[in-house]
Amino acid sequence: LFILIIDQSGSMYNSIKNVSNTLSKLIESFPQDSYYQLIGFGTNFRKYDSKPKINSEENINNLKKIINSLAADMGGTNLSLPLKDILKDSYKDYKDFNLSKQIIILTDGDINLGEETTELINLHNNEFKIHLIGIGSGVNSNTIISTSKAGNGSYCFIDDTSDLKKVIFELLNKCTNEYIN
């Protein structure tokens, strides 16, 4: 189960094209029979699908349409809202998935988490692994690294010169390696 949380705040204006390209490569690389859900965040958050969907050709084509229409138009950078929804409020939405649960966050790293959300991440880091992809040249690397460590996940950084296929392959390998073993 891959939950993709996308920073659509105003600070992502120059990076949103790179986010779309990264997401396209990522979803094309999902393992067969996996599930995904896309969530955008800024001042508030938006679930593009109310429940995770199976990785099928039809669903991926619909997801690509959404990805191509993403904009950096959601205001601030309150990552705590979607994380609280996943880890606390709507946890029941994900309990029935007897799958490895991976949260992948694409952001420039200027995110508001707060102590309560960091505690939630630590509390649920055995059920949900949190991976961060830092997008752009002005990434707040400290936030990206510390959040991924709290979530028992990994992190990587992507700029305009990054080899997307290589980065995505390495990330998905980290996401699935422990589960496969």
N, C-alpha and C. Protein backbone atom coordinates (compact mmCIF):
# COMPACT_ATOMS: atom_id res chain seq x y z
N LEU A 1 0.85 -1.18 0.00
CA LEU A 1 0.00 0.00 0.00
C LEU A 1 0.89 1.23 0.00
N PHE A 2 0.75 2.05 -1.02
CA PHE A 2 1.52 3.28 -1.14
C PHE A 2 0.58 4.47 -0.97
N ILE A 3 0.82 5.27 0.06
CA ILE A 3 0.06 6.50 0.25
C ILE A 3 0.99 7.63 -0.15
N LEU A 4 0.62 8.32 -1.22
CA LEU A 4 1.44 9.39 -1.78
C LEU A 4 0.92 10.73 -1.28
N ILE A 5 1.73 11.45 -0.52
CA ILE A 5 1.33 12.75 0.00
C ILE A 5 2.16 13.81 -0.71
N ILE A 6 1.47 14.69 -1.42
CA ILE A 6 2.12 15.66 -2.29
C ILE A 6 1.97 17.07 -1.75
N ASP A 7 3.09 17.76 -1.60
CA ASP A 7 3.11 19.16 -1.18
C ASP A 7 2.63 20.01 -2.35
N GLN A 8 1.47 20.63 -2.19
CA GLN A 8 0.93 21.51 -3.22
C GLN A 8 0.83 22.94 -2.70
N SER A 9 1.71 23.28 -1.75
CA SER A 9 1.74 24.63 -1.20
C SER A 9 2.34 25.59 -2.21
N GLY A 10 2.20 26.86 -1.93
CA GLY A 10 2.73 27.89 -2.83
C GLY A 10 4.22 27.80 -3.04
N SER A 11 4.97 27.31 -2.04
CA SER A 11 6.43 27.21 -2.17
C SER A 11 6.85 26.18 -3.22
N MET A 12 5.91 25.36 -3.65
CA MET A 12 6.22 24.33 -4.65
C MET A 12 6.00 24.82 -6.09
N TYR A 13 5.69 26.09 -6.26
CA TYR A 13 5.35 26.63 -7.57
C TYR A 13 6.39 26.27 -8.64
N ASN A 14 7.67 26.46 -8.33
CA ASN A 14 8.71 26.18 -9.32
C ASN A 14 9.04 24.70 -9.44
N SER A 15 8.54 23.88 -8.53
CA SER A 15 8.89 22.46 -8.51
C SER A 15 7.75 21.53 -8.90
N ILE A 16 6.56 22.06 -9.12
CA ILE A 16 5.39 21.19 -9.33
C ILE A 16 5.53 20.34 -10.59
N LYS A 17 6.19 20.83 -11.62
CA LYS A 17 6.42 20.05 -12.84
C LYS A 17 7.32 18.86 -12.52
N ASN A 18 8.34 19.10 -11.71
CA ASN A 18 9.24 18.03 -11.30
C ASN A 18 8.50 17.01 -10.44
N VAL A 19 7.59 17.49 -9.61
CA VAL A 19 6.76 16.59 -8.80
C VAL A 19 5.92 15.70 -9.70
N SER A 20 5.29 16.28 -10.70
CA SER A 20 4.47 15.50 -11.64
C SER A 20 5.30 14.44 -12.36
N ASN A 21 6.49 14.81 -12.82
CA ASN A 21 7.36 13.85 -13.50
C ASN A 21 7.78 12.73 -12.56
N THR A 22 8.12 13.10 -11.32
CA THR A 22 8.54 12.10 -10.34
C THR A 22 7.40 11.14 -10.03
N LEU A 23 6.20 11.69 -9.82
CA LEU A 23 5.03 10.85 -9.53
C LEU A 23 4.72 9.91 -10.69
N SER A 24 4.81 10.40 -11.91
CA SER A 24 4.54 9.55 -13.07
C SER A 24 5.49 8.36 -13.11
N LYS A 25 6.78 8.62 -12.89
CA LYS A 25 7.76 7.52 -12.87
C LYS A 25 7.48 6.57 -11.71
N LEU A 26 7.11 7.13 -10.58
CA LEU A 26 6.85 6.32 -9.39
C LEU A 26 5.68 5.37 -9.60
N ILE A 27 4.56 5.89 -10.08
CA ILE A 27 3.37 5.04 -10.23
C ILE A 27 3.56 3.99 -11.33
N GLU A 28 4.37 4.31 -12.34
CA GLU A 28 4.66 3.33 -13.38
C GLU A 28 5.49 2.17 -12.84
N SER A 29 6.13 2.38 -11.71
CA SER A 29 7.02 1.38 -11.13
C SER A 29 6.40 0.60 -9.97
N PHE A 30 5.14 0.90 -9.64
CA PHE A 30 4.50 0.18 -8.53
C PHE A 30 4.45 -1.30 -8.82
N PRO A 31 4.67 -2.12 -7.79
CA PRO A 31 4.54 -3.57 -7.98
C PRO A 31 3.10 -3.94 -8.36
N GLN A 32 2.98 -5.01 -9.11
CA GLN A 32 1.66 -5.51 -9.49
C GLN A 32 0.89 -5.89 -8.23
N ASP A 33 -0.40 -5.68 -8.25
CA ASP A 33 -1.30 -6.00 -7.13
C ASP A 33 -1.07 -5.13 -5.89
N SER A 34 -0.36 -4.01 -6.05
CA SER A 34 -0.23 -3.08 -4.93
C SER A 34 -1.41 -2.11 -4.97
N TYR A 35 -1.54 -1.35 -3.92
CA TYR A 35 -2.59 -0.33 -3.81
C TYR A 35 -1.93 1.02 -3.63
N TYR A 36 -2.66 2.08 -3.97
CA TYR A 36 -2.14 3.43 -3.80
C TYR A 36 -3.27 4.37 -3.44
N GLN A 37 -2.89 5.50 -2.87
CA GLN A 37 -3.82 6.60 -2.62
C GLN A 37 -3.02 7.89 -2.74
N LEU A 38 -3.60 8.90 -3.38
CA LEU A 38 -2.96 10.19 -3.58
C LEU A 38 -3.63 11.24 -2.70
N ILE A 39 -2.81 11.99 -1.97
CA ILE A 39 -3.30 13.06 -1.10
C ILE A 39 -2.44 14.30 -1.35
N GLY A 40 -3.08 15.42 -1.56
CA GLY A 40 -2.37 16.69 -1.70
C GLY A 40 -2.53 17.49 -0.42
N PHE A 41 -1.52 18.31 -0.10
CA PHE A 41 -1.65 19.13 1.09
C PHE A 41 -1.05 20.51 0.89
N GLY A 42 -1.55 21.43 1.69
CA GLY A 42 -1.10 22.81 1.77
C GLY A 42 -1.60 23.31 3.10
N THR A 43 -2.44 24.33 3.09
CA THR A 43 -3.07 24.79 4.33
C THR A 43 -4.01 23.71 4.85
N ASN A 44 -4.72 23.04 3.96
CA ASN A 44 -5.57 21.89 4.26
C ASN A 44 -5.06 20.71 3.45
N PHE A 45 -5.84 19.66 3.34
CA PHE A 45 -5.42 18.54 2.51
C PHE A 45 -6.61 18.02 1.73
N ARG A 46 -6.30 17.25 0.68
CA ARG A 46 -7.34 16.70 -0.19
C ARG A 46 -6.97 15.27 -0.57
N LYS A 47 -7.89 14.35 -0.31
CA LYS A 47 -7.72 12.97 -0.78
C LYS A 47 -8.33 12.92 -2.18
N TYR A 48 -7.51 12.55 -3.16
CA TYR A 48 -8.01 12.48 -4.53
C TYR A 48 -8.87 11.24 -4.73
N ASP A 49 -8.70 10.25 -3.89
CA ASP A 49 -9.57 9.09 -3.84
C ASP A 49 -9.88 8.84 -2.37
N SER A 50 -11.12 8.54 -2.06
CA SER A 50 -11.49 8.37 -0.65
C SER A 50 -10.85 7.12 -0.03
N LYS A 51 -10.57 6.13 -0.85
CA LYS A 51 -9.96 4.88 -0.37
C LYS A 51 -8.83 4.49 -1.31
N PRO A 52 -7.87 3.71 -0.82
CA PRO A 52 -6.81 3.23 -1.72
C PRO A 52 -7.39 2.41 -2.87
N LYS A 53 -6.72 2.53 -4.03
CA LYS A 53 -7.15 1.81 -5.23
C LYS A 53 -6.09 0.80 -5.65
N ILE A 54 -6.56 -0.27 -6.27
CA ILE A 54 -5.66 -1.30 -6.78
C ILE A 54 -4.88 -0.75 -7.97
N ASN A 55 -3.66 -1.19 -8.10
CA ASN A 55 -2.81 -0.79 -9.21
C ASN A 55 -3.27 -1.54 -10.47
N SER A 56 -4.15 -0.90 -11.22
CA SER A 56 -4.62 -1.46 -12.49
C SER A 56 -4.35 -0.43 -13.59
N GLU A 57 -4.38 -0.87 -14.81
CA GLU A 57 -4.10 0.05 -15.93
C GLU A 57 -5.10 1.21 -15.94
N GLU A 58 -6.36 0.91 -15.75
CA GLU A 58 -7.40 1.95 -15.76
C GLU A 58 -7.18 2.94 -14.61
N ASN A 59 -6.93 2.44 -13.42
CA ASN A 59 -6.73 3.32 -12.27
C ASN A 59 -5.47 4.18 -12.43
N ILE A 60 -4.41 3.59 -12.95
CA ILE A 60 -3.17 4.35 -13.15
C ILE A 60 -3.37 5.42 -14.21
N ASN A 61 -4.11 5.12 -15.27
CA ASN A 61 -4.39 6.15 -16.29
C ASN A 61 -5.19 7.31 -15.70
N ASN A 62 -6.15 6.99 -14.84
CA ASN A 62 -6.91 8.06 -14.16
C ASN A 62 -6.02 8.86 -13.23
N LEU A 63 -5.12 8.17 -12.53
CA LEU A 63 -4.20 8.86 -11.63
C LEU A 63 -3.26 9.78 -12.40
N LYS A 64 -2.81 9.36 -13.57
CA LYS A 64 -1.93 10.20 -14.38
C LYS A 64 -2.63 11.50 -14.78
N LYS A 65 -3.92 11.44 -15.06
CA LYS A 65 -4.67 12.66 -15.39
C LYS A 65 -4.66 13.62 -14.20
N ILE A 66 -4.84 13.09 -13.00
CA ILE A 66 -4.81 13.92 -11.80
C ILE A 66 -3.42 14.51 -11.61
N ILE A 67 -2.41 13.68 -11.76
CA ILE A 67 -1.03 14.13 -11.59
C ILE A 67 -0.69 15.26 -12.56
N ASN A 68 -1.14 15.14 -13.80
CA ASN A 68 -0.85 16.17 -14.80
C ASN A 68 -1.57 17.49 -14.52
N SER A 69 -2.60 17.44 -13.66
CA SER A 69 -3.34 18.67 -13.35
C SER A 69 -2.94 19.27 -11.99
N LEU A 70 -1.97 18.67 -11.30
CA LEU A 70 -1.56 19.19 -9.99
C LEU A 70 -1.03 20.62 -10.11
N ALA A 71 -1.33 21.42 -9.12
CA ALA A 71 -0.86 22.80 -9.08
C ALA A 71 -0.42 23.13 -7.66
N ALA A 72 0.45 24.10 -7.55
CA ALA A 72 0.92 24.56 -6.24
C ALA A 72 -0.02 25.66 -5.76
N ASP A 73 -1.24 25.28 -5.44
CA ASP A 73 -2.29 26.26 -5.17
C ASP A 73 -3.05 25.99 -3.86
N MET A 74 -2.41 25.29 -2.93
CA MET A 74 -3.13 24.92 -1.71
C MET A 74 -2.65 25.71 -0.49
N GLY A 75 -1.99 26.84 -0.71
CA GLY A 75 -1.64 27.72 0.40
C GLY A 75 -0.41 27.29 1.16
N GLY A 76 -0.53 27.15 2.49
CA GLY A 76 0.58 26.86 3.40
C GLY A 76 1.10 25.44 3.29
N THR A 77 1.82 25.00 4.32
CA THR A 77 2.47 23.69 4.26
C THR A 77 2.21 22.90 5.53
N ASN A 78 0.97 22.55 5.78
CA ASN A 78 0.59 21.86 7.01
C ASN A 78 0.53 20.36 6.78
N LEU A 79 1.68 19.72 6.83
CA LEU A 79 1.76 18.27 6.63
C LEU A 79 1.12 17.51 7.78
N SER A 80 0.98 18.15 8.92
CA SER A 80 0.40 17.44 10.07
C SER A 80 -1.04 17.00 9.81
N LEU A 81 -1.80 17.75 9.01
CA LEU A 81 -3.20 17.38 8.76
C LEU A 81 -3.36 16.04 8.06
N PRO A 82 -2.71 15.81 6.91
CA PRO A 82 -2.90 14.49 6.28
C PRO A 82 -2.26 13.36 7.11
N LEU A 83 -1.15 13.64 7.76
CA LEU A 83 -0.53 12.58 8.57
C LEU A 83 -1.42 12.21 9.76
N LYS A 84 -2.01 13.19 10.41
CA LYS A 84 -2.93 12.89 11.51
C LYS A 84 -4.13 12.10 11.00
N ASP A 85 -4.61 12.45 9.83
CA ASP A 85 -5.75 11.74 9.26
C ASP A 85 -5.40 10.27 9.00
N ILE A 86 -4.24 10.03 8.46
CA ILE A 86 -3.83 8.66 8.15
C ILE A 86 -3.51 7.88 9.42
N LEU A 87 -2.72 8.45 10.29
CA LEU A 87 -2.18 7.73 11.44
C LEU A 87 -3.12 7.67 12.63
N LYS A 88 -4.07 8.59 12.70
CA LYS A 88 -4.92 8.65 13.88
C LYS A 88 -6.40 8.57 13.52
N ASP A 89 -6.88 9.59 12.84
CA ASP A 89 -8.32 9.71 12.60
C ASP A 89 -8.87 8.64 11.68
N SER A 90 -8.18 8.36 10.59
CA SER A 90 -8.69 7.39 9.61
C SER A 90 -7.91 6.09 9.60
N TYR A 91 -7.16 5.84 10.64
CA TYR A 91 -6.35 4.63 10.67
C TYR A 91 -7.16 3.40 10.32
N LYS A 92 -8.41 3.42 10.72
CA LYS A 92 -9.29 2.29 10.43
C LYS A 92 -9.43 2.05 8.93
N ASP A 93 -9.25 3.09 8.11
CA ASP A 93 -9.34 2.94 6.65
C ASP A 93 -8.22 2.06 6.10
N TYR A 94 -7.15 1.90 6.86
CA TYR A 94 -5.99 1.18 6.36
C TYR A 94 -5.72 -0.12 7.12
N LYS A 95 -6.40 -0.34 8.24
CA LYS A 95 -6.15 -1.52 9.06
C LYS A 95 -6.41 -2.83 8.32
N ASP A 96 -7.40 -2.85 7.46
CA ASP A 96 -7.78 -4.09 6.78
C ASP A 96 -6.83 -4.48 5.65
N PHE A 97 -5.90 -3.60 5.31
CA PHE A 97 -4.92 -3.92 4.27
C PHE A 97 -3.79 -4.70 4.91
N ASN A 98 -3.75 -5.99 4.62
CA ASN A 98 -2.69 -6.83 5.16
C ASN A 98 -1.48 -6.74 4.23
N LEU A 99 -1.01 -5.50 4.08
CA LEU A 99 0.11 -5.20 3.19
C LEU A 99 1.09 -4.29 3.92
N SER A 100 2.29 -4.23 3.42
CA SER A 100 3.25 -3.25 3.89
C SER A 100 2.68 -1.87 3.56
N LYS A 101 2.69 -0.98 4.54
CA LYS A 101 2.10 0.35 4.35
C LYS A 101 3.21 1.39 4.28
N GLN A 102 3.34 2.01 3.11
CA GLN A 102 4.39 2.98 2.84
C GLN A 102 3.76 4.35 2.57
N ILE A 103 4.22 5.35 3.31
CA ILE A 103 3.81 6.73 3.04
C ILE A 103 4.99 7.39 2.35
N ILE A 104 4.75 7.92 1.17
CA ILE A 104 5.79 8.62 0.41
C ILE A 104 5.37 10.07 0.28
N ILE A 105 6.20 10.96 0.81
CA ILE A 105 5.90 12.39 0.82
C ILE A 105 6.84 13.09 -0.14
N LEU A 106 6.28 13.85 -1.08
CA LEU A 106 7.07 14.67 -1.99
C LEU A 106 6.91 16.12 -1.56
N THR A 107 8.02 16.79 -1.22
CA THR A 107 7.96 18.14 -0.67
C THR A 107 9.28 18.86 -0.85
N ASP A 108 9.26 20.18 -0.65
CA ASP A 108 10.49 20.95 -0.62
C ASP A 108 11.04 21.01 0.80
N GLY A 109 10.34 20.42 1.73
CA GLY A 109 10.82 20.29 3.10
C GLY A 109 10.43 21.41 4.02
N ASP A 110 9.82 22.47 3.52
CA ASP A 110 9.34 23.55 4.38
C ASP A 110 7.95 23.19 4.86
N ILE A 111 7.88 22.26 5.80
CA ILE A 111 6.61 21.69 6.23
C ILE A 111 6.40 21.93 7.72
N ASN A 112 5.15 22.08 8.11
CA ASN A 112 4.79 22.22 9.51
C ASN A 112 4.33 20.87 10.04
N LEU A 113 5.06 20.35 11.02
CA LEU A 113 4.69 19.06 11.59
C LEU A 113 4.14 19.22 13.00
N GLY A 114 4.92 19.79 13.87
CA GLY A 114 4.51 19.91 15.26
C GLY A 114 4.84 18.67 16.06
N GLU A 115 4.92 18.84 17.37
CA GLU A 115 5.30 17.77 18.28
C GLU A 115 4.31 16.60 18.27
N GLU A 116 3.02 16.93 18.24
CA GLU A 116 1.99 15.88 18.28
C GLU A 116 2.10 14.95 17.07
N THR A 117 2.36 15.54 15.89
CA THR A 117 2.47 14.73 14.67
C THR A 117 3.74 13.88 14.71
N THR A 118 4.83 14.45 15.19
CA THR A 118 6.07 13.68 15.31
C THR A 118 5.87 12.50 16.26
N GLU A 119 5.14 12.70 17.34
CA GLU A 119 4.82 11.60 18.26
C GLU A 119 3.97 10.54 17.57
N LEU A 120 3.00 10.96 16.74
CA LEU A 120 2.18 10.01 15.98
C LEU A 120 3.04 9.18 15.03
N ILE A 121 3.98 9.85 14.37
CA ILE A 121 4.88 9.14 13.45
C ILE A 121 5.66 8.09 14.21
N ASN A 122 6.22 8.47 15.35
CA ASN A 122 6.98 7.51 16.17
C ASN A 122 6.10 6.38 16.67
N LEU A 123 4.88 6.68 17.05
CA LEU A 123 3.95 5.68 17.57
C LEU A 123 3.57 4.64 16.52
N HIS A 124 3.45 5.05 15.27
CA HIS A 124 2.98 4.17 14.20
C HIS A 124 4.07 3.75 13.22
N ASN A 125 5.35 3.95 13.57
CA ASN A 125 6.40 3.68 12.59
C ASN A 125 6.64 2.19 12.34
N ASN A 126 5.94 1.32 13.05
CA ASN A 126 6.00 -0.11 12.71
C ASN A 126 4.92 -0.49 11.70
N GLU A 127 3.81 0.24 11.69
CA GLU A 127 2.73 -0.04 10.74
C GLU A 127 2.91 0.73 9.42
N PHE A 128 3.40 1.95 9.53
CA PHE A 128 3.58 2.82 8.36
C PHE A 128 5.03 3.28 8.30
N LYS A 129 5.71 2.99 7.20
CA LYS A 129 7.04 3.53 6.97
C LYS A 129 6.87 4.84 6.21
N ILE A 130 7.61 5.85 6.61
CA ILE A 130 7.48 7.16 5.99
C ILE A 130 8.77 7.49 5.25
N HIS A 131 8.63 7.69 3.94
CA HIS A 131 9.74 8.01 3.04
C HIS A 131 9.50 9.42 2.50
N LEU A 132 10.57 10.19 2.40
CA LEU A 132 10.44 11.55 1.88
C LEU A 132 11.31 11.74 0.65
N ILE A 133 10.75 12.44 -0.32
CA ILE A 133 11.49 12.83 -1.51
C ILE A 133 11.55 14.36 -1.47
N GLY A 134 12.76 14.88 -1.32
CA GLY A 134 12.96 16.32 -1.33
C GLY A 134 13.08 16.80 -2.77
N ILE A 135 12.22 17.73 -3.15
CA ILE A 135 12.15 18.21 -4.53
C ILE A 135 12.70 19.64 -4.60
N GLY A 136 13.58 19.89 -5.55
CA GLY A 136 14.06 21.25 -5.80
C GLY A 136 15.44 21.50 -5.22
N SER A 137 15.95 22.68 -5.50
CA SER A 137 17.32 23.02 -5.07
C SER A 137 17.36 23.63 -3.67
N GLY A 138 16.26 24.16 -3.17
CA GLY A 138 16.25 24.79 -1.86
C GLY A 138 15.62 23.93 -0.79
N VAL A 139 15.83 22.62 -0.86
CA VAL A 139 15.18 21.67 0.03
C VAL A 139 15.67 21.84 1.47
N ASN A 140 14.74 21.75 2.42
CA ASN A 140 15.08 21.75 3.83
C ASN A 140 15.47 20.32 4.20
N SER A 141 16.74 20.00 4.03
CA SER A 141 17.19 18.61 4.20
C SER A 141 17.07 18.13 5.64
N ASN A 142 17.25 19.00 6.62
CA ASN A 142 17.13 18.57 8.02
C ASN A 142 15.75 18.01 8.32
N THR A 143 14.70 18.68 7.86
CA THR A 143 13.34 18.23 8.09
C THR A 143 13.08 16.91 7.38
N ILE A 144 13.55 16.81 6.15
CA ILE A 144 13.35 15.58 5.37
C ILE A 144 14.02 14.39 6.06
N ILE A 145 15.25 14.57 6.47
CA ILE A 145 16.00 13.48 7.09
C ILE A 145 15.40 13.09 8.44
N SER A 146 15.09 14.07 9.28
CA SER A 146 14.57 13.75 10.62
C SER A 146 13.19 13.11 10.56
N THR A 147 12.34 13.53 9.64
CA THR A 147 11.01 12.94 9.51
C THR A 147 11.10 11.50 9.01
N SER A 148 11.98 11.25 8.04
CA SER A 148 12.12 9.88 7.53
C SER A 148 12.69 8.96 8.60
N LYS A 149 13.60 9.46 9.41
CA LYS A 149 14.15 8.64 10.50
C LYS A 149 13.07 8.31 11.53
N ALA A 150 12.25 9.30 11.89
CA ALA A 150 11.16 9.07 12.85
C ALA A 150 10.19 8.02 12.31
N GLY A 151 9.99 8.01 10.99
CA GLY A 151 9.06 7.07 10.36
C GLY A 151 9.68 5.76 9.92
N ASN A 152 10.92 5.48 10.37
CA ASN A 152 11.62 4.24 9.97
C ASN A 152 11.68 4.09 8.46
N GLY A 153 11.74 5.20 7.75
CA GLY A 153 11.75 5.16 6.29
C GLY A 153 13.07 5.62 5.72
N SER A 154 13.00 6.13 4.53
CA SER A 154 14.20 6.59 3.83
C SER A 154 13.91 7.95 3.22
N TYR A 155 14.92 8.52 2.62
CA TYR A 155 14.76 9.82 1.97
C TYR A 155 15.68 9.88 0.76
N CYS A 156 15.34 10.77 -0.15
CA CYS A 156 16.19 11.07 -1.29
C CYS A 156 15.89 12.48 -1.74
N PHE A 157 16.78 13.01 -2.55
CA PHE A 157 16.62 14.38 -3.04
C PHE A 157 16.64 14.37 -4.56
N ILE A 158 15.75 15.16 -5.15
CA ILE A 158 15.64 15.24 -6.60
C ILE A 158 15.72 16.70 -7.02
N ASP A 159 16.62 16.97 -7.96
CA ASP A 159 16.65 18.30 -8.57
C ASP A 159 16.52 18.12 -10.08
N ASP A 160 16.70 19.18 -10.81
CA ASP A 160 16.50 19.13 -12.26
C ASP A 160 17.47 18.20 -12.98
N THR A 161 18.58 17.85 -12.33
CA THR A 161 19.58 17.01 -12.99
C THR A 161 19.53 15.55 -12.53
N SER A 162 18.61 15.23 -11.63
CA SER A 162 18.54 13.88 -11.08
C SER A 162 18.07 12.86 -12.13
N ASP A 163 18.60 11.66 -11.99
CA ASP A 163 18.16 10.53 -12.81
C ASP A 163 16.93 9.94 -12.12
N LEU A 164 15.74 10.35 -12.59
CA LEU A 164 14.50 9.95 -11.92
C LEU A 164 14.33 8.44 -11.84
N LYS A 165 14.62 7.75 -12.91
CA LYS A 165 14.44 6.29 -12.89
C LYS A 165 15.28 5.65 -11.80
N LYS A 166 16.53 6.09 -11.68
CA LYS A 166 17.42 5.53 -10.66
C LYS A 166 16.91 5.84 -9.25
N VAL A 167 16.52 7.08 -9.02
CA VAL A 167 16.05 7.49 -7.69
C VAL A 167 14.78 6.72 -7.32
N ILE A 168 13.85 6.61 -8.26
CA ILE A 168 12.58 5.91 -7.99
C ILE A 168 12.83 4.43 -7.75
N PHE A 169 13.71 3.82 -8.54
CA PHE A 169 14.03 2.41 -8.35
C PHE A 169 14.61 2.18 -6.94
N GLU A 170 15.54 3.04 -6.53
CA GLU A 170 16.14 2.91 -5.20
C GLU A 170 15.09 3.08 -4.10
N LEU A 171 14.20 4.05 -4.26
CA LEU A 171 13.16 4.28 -3.26
C LEU A 171 12.22 3.08 -3.15
N LEU A 172 11.73 2.60 -4.28
CA LEU A 172 10.82 1.46 -4.25
C LEU A 172 11.52 0.21 -3.72
N ASN A 173 12.79 0.07 -4.01
CA ASN A 173 13.55 -1.05 -3.46
C ASN A 173 13.58 -0.96 -1.94
N LYS A 174 13.78 0.23 -1.40
CA LYS A 174 13.78 0.42 0.05
C LYS A 174 12.39 0.16 0.63
N CYS A 175 11.36 0.57 -0.09
CA CYS A 175 9.97 0.37 0.38
C CYS A 175 9.60 -1.09 0.45
N THR A 176 10.03 -1.86 -0.52
CA THR A 176 9.56 -3.24 -0.63
C THR A 176 10.55 -4.27 -0.10
N ASN A 177 11.80 -3.90 0.04
CA ASN A 177 12.84 -4.88 0.42
C ASN A 177 12.54 -5.56 1.75
N GLU A 178 12.24 -4.79 2.78
CA GLU A 178 11.97 -5.36 4.09
C GLU A 178 10.75 -6.27 4.05
N TYR A 179 9.70 -5.85 3.33
CA TYR A 179 8.48 -6.63 3.24
C TYR A 179 8.70 -7.95 2.51
N ILE A 180 9.48 -7.88 1.43
CA ILE A 180 9.75 -9.09 0.65
C ILE A 180 10.61 -10.06 1.46
N ASN A 181 11.61 -9.53 2.18
CA ASN A 181 12.45 -10.39 3.00
C ASN A 181 11.63 -11.08 4.07
